[in-house]
């Protein structure tokens, strides 16, 4: 639900959706039209259809004991799961060492380490993913904390419109700050 949608918009939908579909098994059992109805108002309905397909794949023949994979590569093979979601699920649900890059994380990493790259460019994205991998701690538990910190810093401190450098714990090592490239 959070793909391309702000948390504030998702919260109420998420609670209602979980009330109606408390497990991945209940999503798989439901007709796709019921899943789409519960999703109504969130937009990007392909996400709901992919969730329904994913539920079928991880509960083959109605199995209730099947689990969602913890490996990012295996996660990417599921419907609707891209690189970011695979990294987030592996990191946050399973405490696996997995990089993740969304818009905010890309902007943060590139400002700190490589401000010459545009976060939305293909090259900028490749550099951001390489930086996310290179800066990731060795253990999954620490990677979880690291990834959460990147998301929070990118969303709340190193924002698109204003970089609140005075609140950033990495200001002294930030290339954009040193080169006076961060928006203030």
C-alpha atoms as a PDB file:
ATOM      1  CA  UNK A   1       0.000   0.000   0.000  1.00  0.00           C
ATOM      2  CA  UNK A   2       2.882   2.329   0.625  1.00  0.00           C
ATOM      3  CA  UNK A   3       4.244   2.066  -2.907  1.00  0.00           C
ATOM      4  CA  UNK A   4       3.938   5.621  -4.249  1.00  0.00           C
ATOM      5  CA  UNK A   5       1.478   6.541  -1.474  1.00  0.00           C
ATOM      6  CA  UNK A   6       2.126   8.515   1.704  1.00  0.00           C
ATOM      7  CA  UNK A   7       1.771   6.847   5.106  1.00  0.00           C
ATOM      8  CA  UNK A   8      -0.905   9.326   6.198  1.00  0.00           C
ATOM      9  CA  UNK A   9      -3.141   8.178   3.317  1.00  0.00           C
ATOM     10  CA  UNK A  10      -2.538   4.481   3.934  1.00  0.00           C
ATOM     11  CA  UNK A  11      -3.089   4.151   7.696  1.00  0.00           C
ATOM     12  CA  UNK A  12      -6.892   3.884   7.661  1.00  0.00           C
ATOM     13  CA  UNK A  13      -6.922   1.646   4.572  1.00  0.00           C
ATOM     14  CA  UNK A  14      -4.324  -0.643   6.092  1.00  0.00           C
ATOM     15  CA  UNK A  15      -6.314  -1.188   9.286  1.00  0.00           C
ATOM     16  CA  UNK A  16      -9.520  -1.912   7.348  1.00  0.00           C
ATOM     17  CA  UNK A  17      -7.714  -4.186   4.912  1.00  0.00           C
ATOM     18  CA  UNK A  18      -6.148  -6.235   7.717  1.00  0.00           C
ATOM     19  CA  UNK A  19      -9.491  -6.507   9.448  1.00  0.00           C
ATOM     20  CA  UNK A  20     -11.005  -7.967   6.290  1.00  0.00           C
ATOM     21  CA  UNK A  21      -7.914  -9.981   5.249  1.00  0.00           C
ATOM     22  CA  UNK A  22      -5.895 -10.806   8.398  1.00  0.00           C
ATOM     23  CA  UNK A  23      -3.544 -13.278   6.666  1.00  0.00           C
ATOM     24  CA  UNK A  24      -2.016 -13.808   3.259  1.00  0.00           C
ATOM     25  CA  UNK A  25      -4.108 -16.992   3.144  1.00  0.00           C
ATOM     26  CA  UNK A  26      -7.356 -14.993   3.443  1.00  0.00           C
ATOM     27  CA  UNK A  27      -6.206 -12.748   0.586  1.00  0.00           C
ATOM     28  CA  UNK A  28      -5.539 -15.835  -1.549  1.00  0.00           C
ATOM     29  CA  UNK A  29      -8.950 -17.338  -0.726  1.00  0.00           C
ATOM     30  CA  UNK A  30     -10.829 -14.157  -1.630  1.00  0.00           C
ATOM     31  CA  UNK A  31     -11.977 -13.369  -5.156  1.00  0.00           C
ATOM     32  CA  UNK A  32      -9.798 -10.674  -6.723  1.00  0.00           C
ATOM     33  CA  UNK A  33     -12.852  -8.380  -6.891  1.00  0.00           C
ATOM     34  CA  UNK A  34     -13.118  -8.460  -3.079  1.00  0.00           C
ATOM     35  CA  UNK A  35      -9.458  -7.487  -2.757  1.00  0.00           C
ATOM     36  CA  UNK A  36      -9.968  -4.664  -5.254  1.00  0.00           C
ATOM     37  CA  UNK A  37     -13.053  -3.483  -3.354  1.00  0.00           C
ATOM     38  CA  UNK A  38     -11.100  -3.334  -0.088  1.00  0.00           C
ATOM     39  CA  UNK A  39      -8.371  -1.394  -1.934  1.00  0.00           C
ATOM     40  CA  UNK A  40     -10.846   1.078  -3.425  1.00  0.00           C
ATOM     41  CA  UNK A  41      -9.736   4.682  -3.020  1.00  0.00           C
ATOM     42  CA  UNK A  42      -5.992   3.972  -2.808  1.00  0.00           C
ATOM     43  CA  UNK A  43      -5.425   3.927  -6.555  1.00  0.00           C
ATOM     44  CA  UNK A  44      -2.748   1.987  -8.406  1.00  0.00           C
ATOM     45  CA  UNK A  45      -5.021  -1.067  -8.508  1.00  0.00           C
ATOM     46  CA  UNK A  46      -2.296  -3.179 -10.103  1.00  0.00           C
ATOM     47  CA  UNK A  47      -0.814  -3.304  -6.592  1.00  0.00           C
ATOM     48  CA  UNK A  48      -3.969  -5.013  -5.287  1.00  0.00           C
ATOM     49  CA  UNK A  49      -4.043  -7.452  -8.199  1.00  0.00           C
ATOM     50  CA  UNK A  50      -0.357  -8.228  -7.653  1.00  0.00           C
ATOM     51  CA  UNK A  51      -0.969  -8.745  -3.930  1.00  0.00           C
ATOM     52  CA  UNK A  52      -3.712 -11.224  -4.791  1.00  0.00           C
ATOM     53  CA  UNK A  53      -1.377 -13.044  -7.242  1.00  0.00           C
ATOM     54  CA  UNK A  54       1.420 -13.018  -4.649  1.00  0.00           C
ATOM     55  CA  UNK A  55      -0.926 -14.509  -2.040  1.00  0.00           C
ATOM     56  CA  UNK A  56      -1.721 -17.364  -4.425  1.00  0.00           C
ATOM     57  CA  UNK A  57       1.965 -17.997  -5.075  1.00  0.00           C
ATOM     58  CA  UNK A  58       2.979 -18.120  -1.399  1.00  0.00           C
ATOM     59  CA  UNK A  59       0.009 -20.286  -0.405  1.00  0.00           C
ATOM     60  CA  UNK A  60       0.101 -23.012  -3.067  1.00  0.00           C
ATOM     61  CA  UNK A  61      -2.949 -25.274  -3.038  1.00  0.00           C
ATOM     62  CA  UNK A  62      -4.321 -23.354  -0.054  1.00  0.00           C
ATOM     63  CA  UNK A  63      -1.325 -24.149   2.174  1.00  0.00           C
ATOM     64  CA  UNK A  64      -1.452 -22.171   5.405  1.00  0.00           C
ATOM     65  CA  UNK A  65       2.067 -22.970   6.590  1.00  0.00           C
ATOM     66  CA  UNK A  66       3.953 -21.535   3.618  1.00  0.00           C
ATOM     67  CA  UNK A  67       6.064 -18.452   4.336  1.00  0.00           C
ATOM     68  CA  UNK A  68       7.062 -15.444   2.304  1.00  0.00           C
ATOM     69  CA  UNK A  69      10.735 -15.791   1.320  1.00  0.00           C
ATOM     70  CA  UNK A  70      13.382 -13.904   3.266  1.00  0.00           C
ATOM     71  CA  UNK A  71      15.892 -13.705   0.423  1.00  0.00           C
ATOM     72  CA  UNK A  72      15.653 -10.493  -1.656  1.00  0.00           C
ATOM     73  CA  UNK A  73      16.273 -12.386  -4.914  1.00  0.00           C
ATOM     74  CA  UNK A  74      13.419 -14.809  -4.173  1.00  0.00           C
ATOM     75  CA  UNK A  75      11.189 -11.920  -3.126  1.00  0.00           C
ATOM     76  CA  UNK A  76      11.839 -10.138  -6.435  1.00  0.00           C
ATOM     77  CA  UNK A  77      10.376 -13.143  -8.246  1.00  0.00           C
ATOM     78  CA  UNK A  78       6.968 -12.542  -6.624  1.00  0.00           C
ATOM     79  CA  UNK A  79       4.303 -10.425  -8.367  1.00  0.00           C
ATOM     80  CA  UNK A  80       4.545  -6.712  -7.606  1.00  0.00           C
ATOM     81  CA  UNK A  81       7.804  -6.961  -5.649  1.00  0.00           C
ATOM     82  CA  UNK A  82      10.536  -4.656  -6.877  1.00  0.00           C
ATOM     83  CA  UNK A  83      14.028  -4.054  -5.565  1.00  0.00           C
ATOM     84  CA  UNK A  84      12.970  -1.630  -2.831  1.00  0.00           C
ATOM     85  CA  UNK A  85      10.136  -3.804  -1.493  1.00  0.00           C
ATOM     86  CA  UNK A  86      12.351  -6.905  -1.603  1.00  0.00           C
ATOM     87  CA  UNK A  87      15.024  -5.087   0.403  1.00  0.00           C
ATOM     88  CA  UNK A  88      12.490  -3.692   2.866  1.00  0.00           C
ATOM     89  CA  UNK A  89      10.791  -7.049   3.491  1.00  0.00           C
ATOM     90  CA  UNK A  90      14.108  -8.889   3.839  1.00  0.00           C
ATOM     91  CA  UNK A  91      15.526  -6.210   6.137  1.00  0.00           C
ATOM     92  CA  UNK A  92      12.527  -5.316   8.286  1.00  0.00           C
ATOM     93  CA  UNK A  93      10.630  -8.609   8.450  1.00  0.00           C
ATOM     94  CA  UNK A  94      13.584 -10.995   8.558  1.00  0.00           C
ATOM     95  CA  UNK A  95      16.503  -8.805   9.716  1.00  0.00           C
ATOM     96  CA  UNK A  96      18.460  -9.820   6.634  1.00  0.00           C
ATOM     97  CA  UNK A  97      21.328  -7.735   5.307  1.00  0.00           C
ATOM     98  CA  UNK A  98      19.600  -6.147   2.324  1.00  0.00           C
ATOM     99  CA  UNK A  99      19.963  -2.680   0.789  1.00  0.00           C
ATOM    100  CA  UNK A 100      16.930  -0.603  -0.063  1.00  0.00           C
ATOM    101  CA  UNK A 101      16.606   2.608  -2.013  1.00  0.00           C
ATOM    102  CA  UNK A 102      13.480   4.700  -2.380  1.00  0.00           C
ATOM    103  CA  UNK A 103      13.291   8.300  -3.567  1.00  0.00           C
ATOM    104  CA  UNK A 104      14.243   9.712  -0.168  1.00  0.00           C
ATOM    105  CA  UNK A 105      17.098   7.279   0.424  1.00  0.00           C
ATOM    106  CA  UNK A 106      18.527   7.900  -3.056  1.00  0.00           C
ATOM    107  CA  UNK A 107      18.469  11.658  -2.496  1.00  0.00           C
ATOM    108  CA  UNK A 108      20.138  11.302   0.925  1.00  0.00           C
ATOM    109  CA  UNK A 109      22.886   8.925  -0.196  1.00  0.00           C
ATOM    110  CA  UNK A 110      23.692  10.946  -3.289  1.00  0.00           C
ATOM    111  CA  UNK A 111      23.802  14.244  -1.383  1.00  0.00           C
ATOM    112  CA  UNK A 112      26.122  12.786   1.234  1.00  0.00           C
ATOM    113  CA  UNK A 113      28.457  10.839  -1.075  1.00  0.00           C
ATOM    114  CA  UNK A 114      27.929  11.830  -4.706  1.00  0.00           C
ATOM    115  CA  UNK A 115      25.969  15.059  -5.225  1.00  0.00           C
ATOM    116  CA  UNK A 116      27.016  15.226  -8.867  1.00  0.00           C
ATOM    117  CA  UNK A 117      24.456  12.489  -9.672  1.00  0.00           C
ATOM    118  CA  UNK A 118      20.745  13.187 -10.090  1.00  0.00           C
ATOM    119  CA  UNK A 119      18.667  10.841  -7.909  1.00  0.00           C
ATOM    120  CA  UNK A 120      16.024  10.303 -10.592  1.00  0.00           C
ATOM    121  CA  UNK A 121      18.455   9.476 -13.397  1.00  0.00           C
ATOM    122  CA  UNK A 122      19.267   5.876 -14.280  1.00  0.00           C
ATOM    123  CA  UNK A 123      22.922   6.452 -13.440  1.00  0.00           C
ATOM    124  CA  UNK A 124      21.990   8.169 -10.174  1.00  0.00           C
ATOM    125  CA  UNK A 125      19.828   5.186  -9.230  1.00  0.00           C
ATOM    126  CA  UNK A 126      22.659   2.739  -9.940  1.00  0.00           C
ATOM    127  CA  UNK A 127      25.047   4.839  -7.859  1.00  0.00           C
ATOM    128  CA  UNK A 128      22.504   5.114  -5.030  1.00  0.00           C
ATOM    129  CA  UNK A 129      22.004   1.322  -4.953  1.00  0.00           C
ATOM    130  CA  UNK A 130      25.766   0.793  -4.960  1.00  0.00           C
ATOM    131  CA  UNK A 131      26.107   3.245  -2.060  1.00  0.00           C
ATOM    132  CA  UNK A 132      23.260   1.560  -0.174  1.00  0.00           C
ATOM    133  CA  UNK A 133      25.057  -1.774  -0.522  1.00  0.00           C
ATOM    134  CA  UNK A 134      28.473  -0.337   0.342  1.00  0.00           C
ATOM    135  CA  UNK A 135      27.285   1.442   3.498  1.00  0.00           C
ATOM    136  CA  UNK A 136      25.172  -1.454   4.791  1.00  0.00           C
ATOM    137  CA  UNK A 137      26.402  -2.934   8.074  1.00  0.00           C
ATOM    138  CA  UNK A 138      27.530  -6.577   8.064  1.00  0.00           C
ATOM    139  CA  UNK A 139      24.804  -7.979  10.325  1.00  0.00           C
ATOM    140  CA  UNK A 140      21.107  -8.070   9.533  1.00  0.00           C
ATOM    141  CA  UNK A 141      20.067  -6.611  12.882  1.00  0.00           C
ATOM    142  CA  UNK A 142      22.339  -3.607  12.373  1.00  0.00           C
ATOM    143  CA  UNK A 143      21.258  -3.366   8.731  1.00  0.00           C
ATOM    144  CA  UNK A 144      17.641  -3.100   9.912  1.00  0.00           C
ATOM    145  CA  UNK A 145      18.531  -0.096  12.087  1.00  0.00           C
ATOM    146  CA  UNK A 146      20.693   1.419   9.354  1.00  0.00           C
ATOM    147  CA  UNK A 147      17.932   1.115   6.728  1.00  0.00           C
ATOM    148  CA  UNK A 148      15.346   2.588   9.076  1.00  0.00           C
ATOM    149  CA  UNK A 149      17.686   5.510   9.790  1.00  0.00           C
ATOM    150  CA  UNK A 150      18.235   6.147   6.067  1.00  0.00           C
ATOM    151  CA  UNK A 151      14.494   6.211   5.452  1.00  0.00           C
ATOM    152  CA  UNK A 152      13.876   8.581   8.366  1.00  0.00           C
ATOM    153  CA  UNK A 153      16.763  10.906   7.502  1.00  0.00           C
ATOM    154  CA  UNK A 154      15.674  11.085   3.871  1.00  0.00           C
ATOM    155  CA  UNK A 155      12.037  11.717   4.754  1.00  0.00           C
ATOM    156  CA  UNK A 156      12.468  14.132   7.666  1.00  0.00           C
ATOM    157  CA  UNK A 157      15.906  15.784   7.533  1.00  0.00           C
ATOM    158  CA  UNK A 158      17.354  15.643   4.023  1.00  0.00           C
ATOM    159  CA  UNK A 159      14.106  16.490   2.264  1.00  0.00           C
ATOM    160  CA  UNK A 160      13.607  17.327  -1.397  1.00  0.00           C
ATOM    161  CA  UNK A 161      12.832  21.001  -0.813  1.00  0.00           C
ATOM    162  CA  UNK A 162      14.989  21.752   2.211  1.00  0.00           C
ATOM    163  CA  UNK A 163      17.989  19.983   3.690  1.00  0.00           C
ATOM    164  CA  UNK A 164      17.901  20.552   7.444  1.00  0.00           C
ATOM    165  CA  UNK A 165      21.648  20.149   7.698  1.00  0.00           C
ATOM    166  CA  UNK A 166      21.810  21.491  11.246  1.00  0.00           C
ATOM    167  CA  UNK A 167      19.774  18.403  12.341  1.00  0.00           C
ATOM    168  CA  UNK A 168      21.791  15.860  10.348  1.00  0.00           C
ATOM    169  CA  UNK A 169      24.256  13.569  12.151  1.00  0.00           C
ATOM    170  CA  UNK A 170      26.340  13.300   8.949  1.00  0.00           C
ATOM    171  CA  UNK A 171      26.656  16.988   8.111  1.00  0.00           C
ATOM    172  CA  UNK A 172      30.434  17.030   8.564  1.00  0.00           C
ATOM    173  CA  UNK A 173      30.882  14.236   6.019  1.00  0.00           C
ATOM    174  CA  UNK A 174      28.222  15.404   3.554  1.00  0.00           C
ATOM    175  CA  UNK A 175      29.585  16.339   0.147  1.00  0.00           C
ATOM    176  CA  UNK A 176      26.514  18.440  -0.730  1.00  0.00           C
ATOM    177  CA  UNK A 177      26.918  20.421   2.491  1.00  0.00           C
ATOM    178  CA  UNK A 178      30.679  20.863   2.033  1.00  0.00           C
ATOM    179  CA  UNK A 179      30.175  21.988  -1.561  1.00  0.00           C
ATOM    180  CA  UNK A 180      27.166  24.144  -0.574  1.00  0.00           C
ATOM    181  CA  UNK A 181      24.874  22.204  -2.915  1.00  0.00           C
ATOM    182  CA  UNK A 182      22.143  21.236  -0.430  1.00  0.00           C
ATOM    183  CA  UNK A 183      18.922  23.269  -0.705  1.00  0.00           C
ATOM    184  CA  UNK A 184      18.310  25.434   2.354  1.00  0.00           C
END
